Amino acid sequence: MTVRPYGERWRASYACDPWGSRGRLFPEAVSPTRSEFQRDRDRIIHSSAFRRLKHKTQVFVYHEGDHYRTRLTHTIEVSQIARALARSLGLDEDLAEALALSHDLGHTPFGHTGEDTLDECMKEFGGFDHNAQALRVVTRLERRYAEYDGLNLAWETLEGLVKHNGPLLDPEGQPTLRYAERGVPLAILEYNAQHDLELATYASGEAQAAAIADDIAYDSHDIDDGLRAALFDIEELREVPFLDEILTEIDARYPGLELSRRIHELTRRVITRFVEDVVAEGDRRIAALAPTTADDIRHGAETVMCFSHKMREADASIKRFLFAHMYRHPKVMQVRAEADDVLRDLFQRFKNEPEAMPEEWRADLTRDDEARLARRVADYIAGMTDGYAILEHRRLFDVTPDLR
């Protein structure tokens, strides 16, 4: 395989070219040692928000066990899968990796519970959306550089971060997907007004690779974590025909295999089959579209990185199983309810008493601008780790749930 300068590998004509990037909001000199997308990857890894992922929940709270996934370990797994997909299909690996590493930067403490709680608390002020929050993090909230707020990422990285799940607007400019009822979040619209991310098109192939890598990682590692936590038994997974087939193969080849190895064999085969399916389906769709530029993929009628019909059903079946047996398990629901209480308490206290927040978070706030105050509180809480949210609650309230 041809290796380009700075360790870049061969790219197809429809891949994003870092040397042909549409640039950054604040122009910068070209790096003599790294491509534009390599610089973005490095800036994301060195950000404070990325480090905090280590102590943010995936499904379980951070202190429940050392072997369960956190947002950080999940992000690393997504990154590995995204690079594998990009490499197989001739896409830019560094951009796919940067997008995988940044896709969860806007997540709150306590997993999806935190997002649901903040969304409800912010209902009167535009709601809360982790995708829009990730954009706020990389364009506003990270304050590391002398000349600008945010990380000043390349256009292709920001575009992929915002649109990895598909267009946000239809050709007539109306919201699509989950934004159809509530509209595109203001944070995205405000940034788009000064740096057009072309919200009515698909994202690049690299962004699509990162998005489907997220699905693959979720399916495999939530099975793993659910089994380790004894929320369900491995034999219950036979309810899903796709998993039953894999378990039958494992048992035939390795009769009497110890449980921990059996679980690992299952999860690694789940990842392998999904990855191989996406590569095969991607090859088929790319051949049908015959793109010659990255924009050809953006302006296509559908995504090029997706599961085949058979594997879409497998993915949906796994998610239905996990929803019933894991995400809505009484043990998990109890922790979710307590986490909800913690974040609601914090939001109301900080909104009523902004002086309870650190100086840098309450600076230049006025009580007469309620929407701005609420958004600042949401930014502060969203950036917290699980442990810090608990410590803040203990500092401000007499009783704090154990979250166990």
Protein backbone atom coordinates (compact mmCIF):
# COMPACT_ATOMS: atom_id res chain seq x y z
CA MET A 1 0.00 0.00 0.00
CA THR A 2 1.30 3.45 -0.90
CA VAL A 3 2.20 5.57 2.11
CA ARG A 4 2.04 9.34 1.66
CA PRO A 5 3.87 12.07 3.61
CA TYR A 6 3.21 12.18 7.38
CA GLY A 7 2.13 8.51 7.38
CA GLU A 8 -1.03 9.02 5.33
CA ARG A 9 -2.23 5.99 3.40
CA TRP A 10 -3.73 5.72 -0.04
CA ARG A 11 -7.03 7.57 -0.48
CA ALA A 12 -9.70 7.06 -3.11
CA SER A 13 -10.77 10.04 -5.21
CA TYR A 14 -14.00 10.30 -3.18
CA ALA A 15 -12.14 10.59 0.13
CA CYS A 16 -11.69 13.93 1.86
CA ASP A 17 -8.27 15.35 1.04
CA PRO A 18 -6.63 17.18 3.97
CA TRP A 19 -4.54 19.21 1.51
CA GLY A 20 -7.74 20.35 -0.19
CA SER A 21 -9.58 21.23 3.03
CA ARG A 22 -12.06 24.09 2.97
CA GLY A 23 -10.09 25.55 5.84
CA ARG A 24 -10.75 26.83 9.35
CA LEU A 25 -12.88 29.67 10.66
CA PHE A 26 -9.67 31.35 11.80
CA PRO A 27 -6.99 30.81 9.12
CA GLU A 28 -3.75 29.20 10.29
CA ALA A 29 -0.44 28.37 8.66
CA VAL A 30 -0.08 24.82 7.35
CA SER A 31 1.74 22.44 9.70
CA PRO A 32 5.11 21.18 8.39
CA THR A 33 4.65 17.80 10.14
CA ARG A 34 0.94 16.95 10.14
CA SER A 35 -2.00 17.02 7.74
CA GLU A 36 -5.02 19.18 8.59
CA PHE A 37 -7.00 16.18 9.82
CA GLN A 38 -4.09 14.88 11.89
CA ARG A 39 -3.93 18.27 13.59
CA ASP A 40 -7.65 18.09 14.36
CA ARG A 41 -7.29 14.60 15.83
CA ASP A 42 -4.46 15.81 18.06
CA ARG A 43 -6.35 18.92 19.20
CA ILE A 44 -9.32 16.78 20.18
CA ILE A 45 -7.17 14.32 22.14
CA HIS A 46 -5.46 17.16 24.02
CA SER A 47 -8.72 18.93 24.89
CA SER A 48 -10.09 19.05 28.42
CA ALA A 49 -13.44 17.71 27.25
CA PHE A 50 -11.78 14.59 25.85
CA ARG A 51 -9.97 13.87 29.12
CA ARG A 52 -13.22 14.19 31.05
CA LEU A 53 -14.73 11.32 29.06
CA LYS A 54 -12.68 9.02 31.28
CA HIS A 55 -15.08 9.70 34.15
CA LYS A 56 -18.37 9.94 32.27
CA THR A 57 -20.83 7.06 32.30
CA GLN A 58 -21.68 4.93 29.30
CA VAL A 59 -24.46 2.91 30.95
CA PHE A 60 -23.17 2.33 34.49
CA VAL A 61 -21.94 5.01 36.86
CA TYR A 62 -18.19 5.38 36.86
CA HIS A 63 -17.43 3.76 40.22
CA GLU A 64 -19.50 0.60 39.74
CA GLY A 65 -16.61 -1.40 38.34
CA ASP A 66 -13.27 -1.00 36.61
CA HIS A 67 -14.15 -3.19 33.64
CA TYR A 68 -17.28 -1.42 32.40
CA ARG A 69 -17.06 1.04 29.52
CA THR A 70 -16.85 4.75 30.11
CA ARG A 71 -17.37 7.38 27.44
CA LEU A 72 -13.61 7.35 26.89
CA THR A 73 -13.20 3.61 26.38
CA HIS A 74 -16.27 3.61 24.14
CA THR A 75 -14.78 6.46 22.12
CA ILE A 76 -11.50 4.59 21.66
CA GLU A 77 -13.38 1.51 20.44
CA VAL A 78 -15.39 3.61 17.98
CA SER A 79 -12.16 5.17 16.74
CA GLN A 80 -10.58 1.78 16.03
CA ILE A 81 -13.63 0.57 14.10
CA ALA A 82 -13.92 3.85 12.16
CA ARG A 83 -10.28 3.64 11.07
CA ALA A 84 -10.76 0.04 9.95
CA LEU A 85 -13.78 1.00 7.85
CA ALA A 86 -12.03 4.02 6.37
CA ARG A 87 -8.93 1.99 5.50
CA SER A 88 -10.96 -0.71 3.78
CA LEU A 89 -12.86 1.76 1.60
CA GLY A 90 -10.10 4.20 0.74
CA LEU A 91 -11.31 7.03 2.96
CA ASP A 92 -9.10 9.35 4.99
CA GLU A 93 -8.32 7.46 8.20
CA ASP A 94 -7.25 10.53 10.16
CA LEU A 95 -10.52 12.37 9.53
CA ALA A 96 -12.56 9.27 10.41
CA GLU A 97 -10.55 8.96 13.61
CA ALA A 98 -10.94 12.64 14.52
CA LEU A 99 -14.70 12.38 14.08
CA ALA A 100 -14.91 9.21 16.15
CA LEU A 101 -12.86 10.80 18.93
CA SER A 102 -15.04 13.92 19.01
CA HIS A 103 -18.51 12.41 18.59
CA ASP A 104 -19.25 12.15 22.34
CA LEU A 105 -17.66 15.39 23.57
CA GLY A 106 -21.10 16.91 24.16
CA HIS A 107 -22.40 14.13 26.39
CA THR A 108 -23.38 14.89 29.95
CA PRO A 109 -22.52 12.97 33.13
CA PHE A 110 -24.64 9.88 33.86
CA GLY A 111 -25.07 8.74 30.27
CA HIS A 112 -28.27 9.37 28.37
CA THR A 113 -30.05 10.10 31.64
CA GLY A 114 -28.08 13.33 31.91
CA GLU A 115 -29.02 14.41 28.41
CA ASP A 116 -32.71 13.67 29.02
CA THR A 117 -32.65 15.59 32.29
CA LEU A 118 -30.88 18.65 30.89
CA ASP A 119 -33.16 18.63 27.85
CA GLU A 120 -36.18 18.78 30.15
CA CYS A 121 -34.61 21.48 32.32
CA MET A 122 -33.80 23.53 29.22
CA LYS A 123 -37.20 23.01 27.59
CA GLU A 124 -38.09 26.72 27.76
CA PHE A 125 -34.68 27.74 26.40
CA GLY A 126 -34.20 25.61 23.29
CA GLY A 127 -33.61 22.25 24.95
CA PHE A 128 -30.36 20.32 25.17
CA ASP A 129 -28.87 18.18 22.40
CA HIS A 130 -25.53 16.38 22.80
CA ASN A 131 -24.67 16.84 19.13
CA ALA A 132 -25.13 20.61 19.35
CA GLN A 133 -23.26 20.58 22.65
CA ALA A 134 -20.29 18.85 21.01
CA LEU A 135 -20.19 21.71 18.49
CA ARG A 136 -20.30 24.24 21.35
CA VAL A 137 -17.41 22.44 23.03
CA VAL A 138 -15.11 22.53 19.99
CA THR A 139 -16.09 26.02 18.83
CA ARG A 140 -16.68 27.90 22.10
CA LEU A 141 -16.21 26.15 25.41
CA GLU A 142 -12.65 24.87 25.05
CA ARG A 143 -10.47 27.85 25.93
CA ARG A 144 -6.87 26.90 25.32
CA TYR A 145 -5.59 28.99 22.45
CA ALA A 146 -4.41 32.59 22.56
CA GLU A 147 -6.19 33.74 19.39
CA TYR A 148 -9.64 32.12 19.57
CA ASP A 149 -12.10 30.13 21.64
CA GLY A 150 -12.64 26.48 20.75
CA LEU A 151 -10.28 24.23 18.82
CA ASN A 152 -10.63 25.92 15.41
CA LEU A 153 -11.13 22.59 13.65
CA ALA A 154 -11.19 22.16 9.89
CA TRP A 155 -14.48 22.55 8.01
CA GLU A 156 -14.61 18.83 7.20
CA THR A 157 -14.30 17.87 10.87
CA LEU A 158 -17.02 20.27 11.99
CA GLU A 159 -19.28 19.22 9.13
CA GLY A 160 -18.87 15.57 10.06
CA LEU A 161 -19.42 16.25 13.74
CA VAL A 162 -22.74 17.99 13.06
CA LYS A 163 -24.07 15.86 10.17
CA HIS A 164 -22.71 12.35 10.83
CA ASN A 165 -26.26 11.05 11.27
CA GLY A 166 -27.47 12.65 8.03
CA PRO A 167 -28.69 16.02 6.70
CA LEU A 168 -30.25 18.36 9.25
CA LEU A 169 -32.28 20.24 6.64
CA ASP A 170 -34.15 19.08 3.56
CA PRO A 171 -33.65 20.81 0.16
CA GLU A 172 -36.39 23.32 1.09
CA GLY A 173 -34.58 24.23 4.29
CA GLN A 174 -36.94 22.40 6.67
CA PRO A 175 -35.55 20.38 9.60
CA THR A 176 -35.16 16.62 9.10
CA LEU A 177 -34.67 13.57 11.30
CA ARG A 178 -35.05 14.13 15.03
CA TYR A 179 -35.12 17.88 14.54
CA ALA A 180 -38.35 17.79 12.52
CA GLU A 181 -40.55 18.72 15.49
CA ARG A 182 -38.28 20.99 17.51
CA GLY A 183 -36.08 22.52 14.85
CA VAL A 184 -32.31 22.48 14.47
CA PRO A 185 -30.61 23.54 17.74
CA LEU A 186 -29.70 27.21 17.92
CA ALA A 187 -26.02 26.46 18.57
CA ILE A 188 -25.75 24.73 15.21
CA LEU A 189 -27.67 27.44 13.35
CA GLU A 190 -25.60 30.22 14.92
CA TYR A 191 -22.31 28.61 13.97
CA ASN A 192 -23.60 27.70 10.52
CA ALA A 193 -24.43 31.36 9.88
CA GLN A 194 -20.75 32.28 10.08
CA HIS A 195 -19.21 29.06 8.72
CA ASP A 196 -21.64 27.29 6.37
CA LEU A 197 -21.60 23.53 7.03
CA GLU A 198 -24.14 22.81 4.28
CA LEU A 199 -26.77 21.34 6.58
CA ALA A 200 -28.95 20.05 3.73
CA THR A 201 -26.40 17.52 2.44
CA TYR A 202 -25.01 14.28 3.79
CA ALA A 203 -21.66 14.35 5.52
CA SER A 204 -18.50 12.85 4.06
CA GLY A 205 -17.85 9.14 3.83
CA GLU A 206 -15.47 9.52 6.77
CA ALA A 207 -18.24 10.95 8.98
CA GLN A 208 -20.57 8.18 7.90
CA ALA A 209 -17.88 5.63 8.84
CA ALA A 210 -17.58 7.15 12.32
CA ALA A 211 -21.36 7.13 12.78
CA ILE A 212 -21.84 3.47 11.91
CA ALA A 213 -18.74 2.54 13.92
CA ASP A 214 -20.59 4.01 16.91
CA ASP A 215 -23.50 1.63 16.31
CA ILE A 216 -21.18 -1.36 16.00
CA ALA A 217 -19.33 -0.48 19.20
CA TYR A 218 -22.58 0.02 21.12
CA ASP A 219 -23.99 -3.35 20.05
CA SER A 220 -20.88 -5.29 20.97
CA HIS A 221 -19.74 -3.64 24.19
CA ASP A 222 -23.19 -3.25 25.71
CA ILE A 223 -23.64 -7.00 25.31
CA ASP A 224 -20.29 -7.43 27.06
CA ASP A 225 -21.06 -5.00 29.88
CA GLY A 226 -24.57 -6.36 30.38
CA LEU A 227 -23.26 -9.90 30.76
CA ARG A 228 -20.48 -8.84 33.14
CA ALA A 229 -23.04 -7.00 35.27
CA ALA A 230 -25.32 -10.07 35.29
CA LEU A 231 -28.23 -8.02 33.95
CA PHE A 232 -28.98 -10.95 31.65
CA ASP A 233 -27.59 -14.41 31.00
CA ILE A 234 -25.66 -15.36 27.89
CA GLU A 235 -28.29 -17.96 26.97
CA GLU A 236 -30.94 -15.21 26.90
CA LEU A 237 -29.08 -13.72 23.94
CA ARG A 238 -30.35 -16.61 21.86
CA GLU A 239 -33.59 -14.61 21.60
CA VAL A 240 -31.72 -12.69 18.88
CA PRO A 241 -31.29 -15.02 15.86
CA PHE A 242 -28.05 -13.31 14.81
CA LEU A 243 -26.50 -13.89 18.24
CA ASP A 244 -27.93 -17.40 18.50
CA GLU A 245 -26.16 -18.31 15.26
CA ILE A 246 -22.83 -17.00 16.55
CA LEU A 247 -23.19 -18.73 19.92
CA THR A 248 -23.96 -22.01 18.16
CA GLU A 249 -20.78 -21.64 16.09
CA ILE A 250 -18.68 -20.91 19.19
CA ASP A 251 -20.10 -23.85 21.14
CA ALA A 252 -19.54 -26.23 18.24
CA ARG A 253 -15.91 -25.20 17.85
CA TYR A 254 -15.07 -24.70 21.54
CA PRO A 255 -17.32 -27.00 23.62
CA GLY A 256 -17.16 -26.26 27.34
CA LEU A 257 -15.40 -22.91 26.86
CA GLU A 258 -15.25 -20.86 30.07
CA LEU A 259 -17.74 -18.03 30.25
CA SER A 260 -15.30 -15.08 30.03
CA ARG A 261 -13.74 -16.48 26.84
CA ARG A 262 -17.14 -17.35 25.44
CA ILE A 263 -18.28 -13.76 25.95
CA HIS A 264 -15.17 -12.40 24.26
CA GLU A 265 -15.58 -14.77 21.31
CA LEU A 266 -19.15 -13.55 20.95
CA THR A 267 -18.37 -9.83 21.05
CA ARG A 268 -15.36 -10.02 18.72
CA ARG A 269 -17.40 -11.97 16.17
CA VAL A 270 -20.23 -9.45 16.40
CA ILE A 271 -17.79 -6.64 15.57
CA THR A 272 -16.16 -8.61 12.75
CA ARG A 273 -19.44 -9.47 11.05
CA PHE A 274 -20.78 -5.94 11.25
CA VAL A 275 -17.52 -4.45 9.95
CA GLU A 276 -17.31 -6.92 7.07
CA ASP A 277 -20.93 -6.24 6.20
CA VAL A 278 -20.46 -2.46 6.16
CA VAL A 279 -17.39 -2.80 3.93
CA ALA A 280 -19.26 -5.06 1.49
CA GLU A 281 -22.35 -2.83 1.45
CA GLY A 282 -20.15 0.27 1.16
CA ASP A 283 -18.35 -1.24 -1.82
CA ARG A 284 -21.69 -1.96 -3.46
CA ARG A 285 -23.13 1.51 -2.87
CA ILE A 286 -19.96 3.30 -3.89
CA ALA A 287 -19.85 1.26 -7.11
CA ALA A 288 -23.47 2.21 -7.84
CA LEU A 289 -22.91 5.91 -7.10
CA ALA A 290 -19.53 6.00 -8.85
CA PRO A 291 -18.34 9.09 -6.93
CA THR A 292 -15.18 10.85 -8.07
CA THR A 293 -15.08 13.48 -5.32
CA ALA A 294 -16.03 13.75 -1.66
CA ASP A 295 -18.85 16.09 -2.66
CA ASP A 296 -20.37 13.34 -4.80
CA ILE A 297 -20.91 11.37 -1.60
CA ARG A 298 -22.30 14.43 0.19
CA HIS A 299 -24.83 15.01 -2.59
CA GLY A 300 -25.84 11.37 -2.95
CA ALA A 301 -29.42 10.24 -2.42
CA GLU A 302 -28.45 8.00 0.52
CA THR A 303 -25.55 7.12 2.75
CA VAL A 304 -22.79 4.92 1.38
CA MET A 305 -21.74 3.59 4.79
CA CYS A 306 -24.50 1.40 6.19
CA PHE A 307 -25.57 -2.14 6.97
CA SER A 308 -27.10 -4.49 4.45
CA HIS A 309 -30.81 -5.20 4.90
CA LYS A 310 -30.04 -8.44 6.76
CA MET A 311 -27.61 -6.79 9.15
CA ARG A 312 -29.90 -3.81 9.74
CA GLU A 313 -32.37 -6.30 11.17
CA ALA A 314 -29.62 -7.89 13.28
CA ASP A 315 -28.65 -4.44 14.60
CA ALA A 316 -32.28 -3.58 15.37
CA SER A 317 -32.82 -6.93 17.11
CA ILE A 318 -29.77 -6.45 19.34
CA LYS A 319 -30.91 -2.94 20.28
CA ARG A 320 -34.42 -4.20 21.11
CA PHE A 321 -32.94 -6.88 23.35
CA LEU A 322 -30.62 -4.44 25.12
CA PHE A 323 -33.39 -1.90 25.61
CA ALA A 324 -35.59 -4.48 27.33
CA HIS A 325 -32.94 -6.38 29.29
CA MET A 326 -30.32 -3.72 30.03
CA TYR A 327 -31.32 -0.08 29.54
CA ARG A 328 -34.66 -0.66 31.30
CA HIS A 329 -33.40 -3.15 33.85
CA PRO A 330 -34.70 -2.23 37.36
CA LYS A 331 -31.13 -1.82 38.66
CA VAL A 332 -30.23 0.58 35.87
CA MET A 333 -33.54 2.44 36.14
CA GLN A 334 -32.97 3.01 39.87
CA VAL A 335 -29.58 4.57 39.21
CA ARG A 336 -31.06 6.63 36.37
CA ALA A 337 -33.77 8.01 38.66
CA GLU A 338 -31.20 9.01 41.29
CA ALA A 339 -28.93 10.59 38.67
CA ASP A 340 -31.91 12.54 37.37
CA ASP A 341 -32.51 13.92 40.85
CA VAL A 342 -28.87 14.97 41.21
CA LEU A 343 -28.80 16.91 37.94
CA ARG A 344 -32.21 18.53 38.45
CA ASP A 345 -31.12 19.72 41.86
CA LEU A 346 -27.89 21.16 40.47
CA PHE A 347 -29.62 22.90 37.57
CA GLN A 348 -32.19 24.61 39.75
CA ARG A 349 -29.62 25.65 42.37
CA PHE A 350 -27.21 27.15 39.84
CA LYS A 351 -29.99 28.85 37.93
CA ASN A 352 -31.38 30.39 41.11
CA GLU A 353 -27.95 31.06 42.60
CA PRO A 354 -25.38 31.49 39.82
CA GLU A 355 -22.90 32.64 42.46
CA ALA A 356 -22.73 28.96 43.52
CA MET A 357 -20.85 28.23 40.28
CA PRO A 358 -17.10 28.87 39.92
CA GLU A 359 -16.10 32.41 38.96
CA GLU A 360 -15.28 31.61 35.33
CA TRP A 361 -18.78 30.20 34.83
CA ARG A 362 -20.73 33.01 36.48
CA ALA A 363 -18.69 35.86 35.02
CA ASP A 364 -20.62 38.46 32.96
CA LEU A 365 -24.00 36.86 33.72
CA THR A 366 -27.05 38.94 34.57
CA ARG A 367 -30.25 37.61 36.08
CA ASP A 368 -32.41 39.51 33.60
CA ASP A 369 -31.14 37.34 30.71
CA GLU A 370 -32.70 34.10 31.85
CA ALA A 371 -32.02 32.18 28.63
CA ARG A 372 -28.30 33.03 28.66
CA LEU A 373 -28.07 32.09 32.34
CA ALA A 374 -29.82 28.76 31.75
CA ARG A 375 -27.54 27.92 28.83
CA ARG A 376 -24.46 28.74 30.91
CA VAL A 377 -25.71 26.44 33.68
CA ALA A 378 -26.35 23.69 31.13
CA ASP A 379 -22.83 24.14 29.72
CA TYR A 380 -21.36 23.87 33.21
CA ILE A 381 -23.31 20.76 34.14
CA ALA A 382 -22.82 19.05 30.77
CA GLY A 383 -19.07 19.33 31.17
CA MET A 384 -19.05 17.66 34.59
CA THR A 385 -17.80 14.14 35.14
CA ASP A 386 -20.00 11.77 37.12
CA GLY A 387 -17.79 12.16 40.18
CA TYR A 388 -17.69 15.95 40.03
CA ALA A 389 -21.48 16.16 39.72
CA ILE A 390 -21.81 14.04 42.85
CA LEU A 391 -19.25 16.18 44.71
CA GLU A 392 -21.04 19.38 43.71
CA HIS A 393 -24.33 17.94 44.90
CA ARG A 394 -22.79 16.97 48.24
CA ARG A 395 -21.37 20.47 48.59
CA LEU A 396 -24.74 22.11 48.03
CA PHE A 397 -27.27 19.66 49.45
CA ASP A 398 -27.66 17.73 52.70
CA VAL A 399 -28.51 14.38 51.11
CA THR A 400 -26.96 12.91 47.94
CA PRO A 401 -27.93 9.52 46.45
CA ASP A 402 -25.27 6.80 46.40
CA LEU A 403 -25.89 6.04 42.70
CA ARG A 404 -25.07 2.35 43.12
